[in-house]
Each structure stands twice: as C-alpha cells, then as structure tokens.
C-alpha atoms as a PDB file:
ATOM      1  CA  MET A   1     -18.821   3.335 -17.178  1.00  0.00           C
ATOM      2  CA  LEU A   2     -15.631   2.913 -15.228  1.00  0.00           C
ATOM      3  CA  LEU A   3     -12.871   5.303 -16.248  1.00  0.00           C
ATOM      4  CA  ILE A   4      -9.337   4.066 -15.709  1.00  0.00           C
ATOM      5  CA  SER A   5      -6.191   6.081 -16.240  1.00  0.00           C
ATOM      6  CA  TYR A   6      -2.593   5.042 -15.691  1.00  0.00           C
ATOM      7  CA  THR A   7       0.199   7.120 -14.225  1.00  0.00           C
ATOM      8  CA  VAL A   8       3.828   6.134 -14.676  1.00  0.00           C
ATOM      9  CA  PHE A   9       6.470   7.497 -12.341  1.00  0.00           C
ATOM     10  CA  SER A  10       9.778   6.524 -10.843  1.00  0.00           C
ATOM     11  CA  VAL A  11       9.878   5.020  -7.343  1.00  0.00           C
ATOM     12  CA  PRO A  12      13.135   4.237  -5.556  1.00  0.00           C
ATOM     13  CA  ALA A  13      13.730   0.526  -5.058  1.00  0.00           C
ATOM     14  CA  PHE A  14      13.931  -1.127  -1.646  1.00  0.00           C
ATOM     15  CA  PRO A  15      17.303  -0.365  -0.060  1.00  0.00           C
ATOM     16  CA  GLU A  16      18.101  -4.079   0.131  1.00  0.00           C
ATOM     17  CA  LEU A  17      17.372  -4.506  -3.578  1.00  0.00           C
ATOM     18  CA  GLU A  18      19.374  -1.501  -4.727  1.00  0.00           C
ATOM     19  CA  ALA A  19      22.581  -3.465  -5.339  1.00  0.00           C
ATOM     20  CA  ILE A  20      20.709  -6.277  -7.124  1.00  0.00           C
ATOM     21  CA  LEU A  21      18.834  -3.824  -9.340  1.00  0.00           C
ATOM     22  CA  ASN A  22      22.045  -1.942 -10.148  1.00  0.00           C
ATOM     23  CA  VAL A  23      23.561  -5.166 -11.440  1.00  0.00           C
ATOM     24  CA  ALA A  24      20.427  -6.277 -13.292  1.00  0.00           C
ATOM     25  CA  THR A  25      19.292  -2.977 -14.802  1.00  0.00           C
ATOM     26  CA  GLY A  26      22.049  -0.442 -14.221  1.00  0.00           C
ATOM     27  CA  SER A  27      19.536   1.777 -12.400  1.00  0.00           C
ATOM     28  CA  THR A  28      18.550   2.386  -8.787  1.00  0.00           C
ATOM     29  CA  SER A  29      14.908   3.144  -9.591  1.00  0.00           C
ATOM     30  CA  ARG A  30      12.135   1.302 -11.388  1.00  0.00           C
ATOM     31  CA  MET A  31       9.162   2.517 -13.367  1.00  0.00           C
ATOM     32  CA  TYR A  32       5.888   1.501 -11.785  1.00  0.00           C
ATOM     33  CA  LYS A  33       2.440   1.812 -13.260  1.00  0.00           C
ATOM     34  CA  TYR A  34      -0.407   2.570 -10.922  1.00  0.00           C
ATOM     35  CA  ARG A  35      -4.075   2.483 -11.843  1.00  0.00           C
ATOM     36  CA  LYS A  36      -6.272   5.396 -10.873  1.00  0.00           C
ATOM     37  CA  SER A  37      -9.961   4.658 -10.895  1.00  0.00           C
ATOM     38  CA  SER A  38     -12.677   7.268 -10.830  1.00  0.00           C
ATOM     39  CA  LYS A  39     -14.599   5.042  -8.409  1.00  0.00           C
ATOM     40  CA  ALA A  40     -11.698   4.328  -6.053  1.00  0.00           C
ATOM     41  CA  PHE A  41     -12.529   4.318  -2.358  1.00  0.00           C
ATOM     42  CA  ARG A  42     -10.426   6.745  -0.369  1.00  0.00           C
ATOM     43  CA  TYR A  43     -10.256   7.238   3.368  1.00  0.00           C
ATOM     44  CA  GLN A  44     -11.297  10.700   4.441  1.00  0.00           C
ATOM     45  CA  ASN A  45     -11.477  12.570   7.698  1.00  0.00           C
ATOM     46  CA  PRO A  46     -14.905  13.927   8.696  1.00  0.00           C
ATOM     47  CA  ASP A  47     -13.911  17.362   7.369  1.00  0.00           C
ATOM     48  CA  GLY A  48     -13.208  15.844   3.922  1.00  0.00           C
ATOM     49  CA  SER A  49      -9.412  15.997   4.106  1.00  0.00           C
ATOM     50  CA  HIS A  50      -7.226  12.947   3.473  1.00  0.00           C
ATOM     51  CA  ARG A  51      -5.039  11.397   6.151  1.00  0.00           C
ATOM     52  CA  SER A  52      -1.388  12.281   5.608  1.00  0.00           C
ATOM     53  CA  ARG A  53       1.267   9.580   5.472  1.00  0.00           C
ATOM     54  CA  THR A  54       3.012   8.727   8.713  1.00  0.00           C
ATOM     55  CA  CYS A  55       6.727   9.494   8.696  1.00  0.00           C
ATOM     56  CA  ILE A  56       8.865   7.073  10.685  1.00  0.00           C
ATOM     57  CA  ASN A  57      12.147   8.521  11.896  1.00  0.00           C
ATOM     58  CA  LYS A  58      15.419   6.591  12.219  1.00  0.00           C
ATOM     59  CA  GLU A  59      15.025   5.845  15.934  1.00  0.00           C
ATOM     60  CA  GLN A  60      11.507   4.453  15.431  1.00  0.00           C
ATOM     61  CA  ALA A  61      12.673   2.421  12.421  1.00  0.00           C
ATOM     62  CA  LYS A  62      15.533   0.932  14.439  1.00  0.00           C
ATOM     63  CA  ILE A  63      13.169  -0.053  17.271  1.00  0.00           C
ATOM     64  CA  LEU A  64      10.749  -1.648  14.803  1.00  0.00           C
ATOM     65  CA  GLN A  65      13.584  -3.450  12.978  1.00  0.00           C
ATOM     66  CA  ASP A  66      14.956  -4.833  16.258  1.00  0.00           C
ATOM     67  CA  ALA A  67      11.496  -6.158  17.143  1.00  0.00           C
ATOM     68  CA  PHE A  68      11.160  -7.608  13.617  1.00  0.00           C
ATOM     69  CA  ASP A  69      14.511  -9.383  13.951  1.00  0.00           C
ATOM     70  CA  LYS A  70      13.217 -11.110  17.104  1.00  0.00           C
ATOM     71  CA  ASN A  71       9.848 -12.074  15.623  1.00  0.00           C
ATOM     72  CA  GLN A  72       8.473 -11.331  12.142  1.00  0.00           C
ATOM     73  CA  PHE A  73       4.887 -11.361  13.393  1.00  0.00           C
ATOM     74  CA  VAL A  74       3.813  -8.774  15.937  1.00  0.00           C
ATOM     75  CA  ASP A  75       1.482 -10.020  18.678  1.00  0.00           C
ATOM     76  CA  ASN A  76      -0.876  -7.811  20.702  1.00  0.00           C
ATOM     77  CA  GLN A  77       1.429  -7.321  23.674  1.00  0.00           C
ATOM     78  CA  THR A  78       4.443  -6.496  21.492  1.00  0.00           C
ATOM     79  CA  GLN A  79       2.330  -4.088  19.441  1.00  0.00           C
ATOM     80  CA  ILE A  80       1.171  -2.272  22.597  1.00  0.00           C
ATOM     81  CA  ASN A  81       4.776  -2.047  23.838  1.00  0.00           C
ATOM     82  CA  LEU A  82       5.953  -0.711  20.462  1.00  0.00           C
ATOM     83  CA  GLU A  83       3.112   1.839  20.453  1.00  0.00           C
ATOM     84  CA  GLN A  84       4.271   3.150  23.841  1.00  0.00           C
ATOM     85  CA  ILE A  85       7.968   3.180  22.938  1.00  0.00           C
ATOM     86  CA  THR A  86       7.700   4.683  19.429  1.00  0.00           C
ATOM     87  CA  GLY A  87       4.555   6.789  19.783  1.00  0.00           C
ATOM     88  CA  LEU A  88       3.194   5.316  16.532  1.00  0.00           C
ATOM     89  CA  PRO A  89      -0.392   4.086  16.164  1.00  0.00           C
ATOM     90  CA  GLY A  90      -0.940   0.323  16.266  1.00  0.00           C
ATOM     91  CA  LYS A  91      -2.183   0.213  12.676  1.00  0.00           C
ATOM     92  CA  VAL A  92       1.042   1.836  11.429  1.00  0.00           C
ATOM     93  CA  ILE A  93       3.110  -0.732  13.332  1.00  0.00           C
ATOM     94  CA  LYS A  94       1.031  -3.613  11.961  1.00  0.00           C
ATOM     95  CA  VAL A  95       1.370  -2.358   8.379  1.00  0.00           C
ATOM     96  CA  TRP A  96       5.105  -1.737   8.857  1.00  0.00           C
ATOM     97  CA  PHE A  97       5.560  -5.404   9.847  1.00  0.00           C
ATOM     98  CA  GLN A  98       3.466  -6.538   6.850  1.00  0.00           C
ATOM     99  CA  ASN A  99       5.539  -4.411   4.483  1.00  0.00           C
ATOM    100  CA  ARG A 100       8.807  -5.638   5.987  1.00  0.00           C
ATOM    101  CA  ARG A 101       7.765  -9.293   5.592  1.00  0.00           C
ATOM    102  CA  ARG A 102       6.857  -8.613   1.959  1.00  0.00           C
ATOM    103  CA  GLU A 103      10.161  -6.840   1.344  1.00  0.00           C
ATOM    104  CA  LYS A 104      12.084  -9.750   2.890  1.00  0.00           C
ATOM    105  CA  LYS A 105      10.207 -12.196   0.646  1.00  0.00           C
ATOM    106  CA  ILE A 106      11.067 -10.137  -2.457  1.00  0.00           C
ATOM    107  CA  VAL A 107      14.740  -9.924  -1.482  1.00  0.00           C
ATOM    108  CA  LYS A 108      14.841 -13.691  -0.923  1.00  0.00           C
ATOM    109  CA  LYS A 109      13.303 -14.281  -4.371  1.00  0.00           C
ATOM    110  CA  PHE A 110      15.896 -12.018  -6.076  1.00  0.00           C
ATOM    111  CA  ILE A 111      18.792 -13.672  -4.257  1.00  0.00           C
ATOM    112  CA  GLU A 112      17.641 -17.132  -5.367  1.00  0.00           C
ATOM    113  CA  LEU A 113      17.708 -16.076  -9.035  1.00  0.00           C
END
C-alpha cells in the first residue's frame, strides 16, 4: 500500500512574477501543495545524510544571468568556464539554466494573459 500525505505551505513567487501576482491575487506568495510519498527515492550520501541545497550568492547569480542572457542553453565549454569562474558544480549550473528557462516561460505565459 502506498501512503501519500500532502503538505501545504507558502512559497514566495518568482521575483519577476511578484508584480503580476500582486495585481491578480493581492499577495506576494502562493500556496503550493506537495506530495510526500513513503516510497519516494531520495539521494543520500554514503553516511546516510542528505545533500544540502547549494546557495548561490549574488555574484554567482549575476555571472550565471549574464551567461543566460547570451545563450539560454549552456554548452559543455560554457559550463566548464562557469564552473571555474563561479566555483559551482556543473550539475548546479545545468539545473540553474533549466530553472531559469522554465521561469522565463512562466513569465511569458502570464504576460500574454
């Protein structure tokens, strides 16, 4: 039997969507529902601990945003250069670009409404 529970909590909206959401809902945060499964796969270190989230500081974010403005898709050479400049792992850079493309798509959809 698969046990599923739901947790509801407030998550701040994307910075670009904040003004749109303020107009539409009068609030800067949305309620999101996330499913927690008892059989969910989680990444673990060999000692059993979970990997902590990577914090990206303002300088790193600016470097990544400048690279994103030039090209929305990161190629291998650009990723290696960004790894050396920012000190972030390649996987974090790749996921940052994926998230930024998704955020841009969402903003575009809200603006068209």
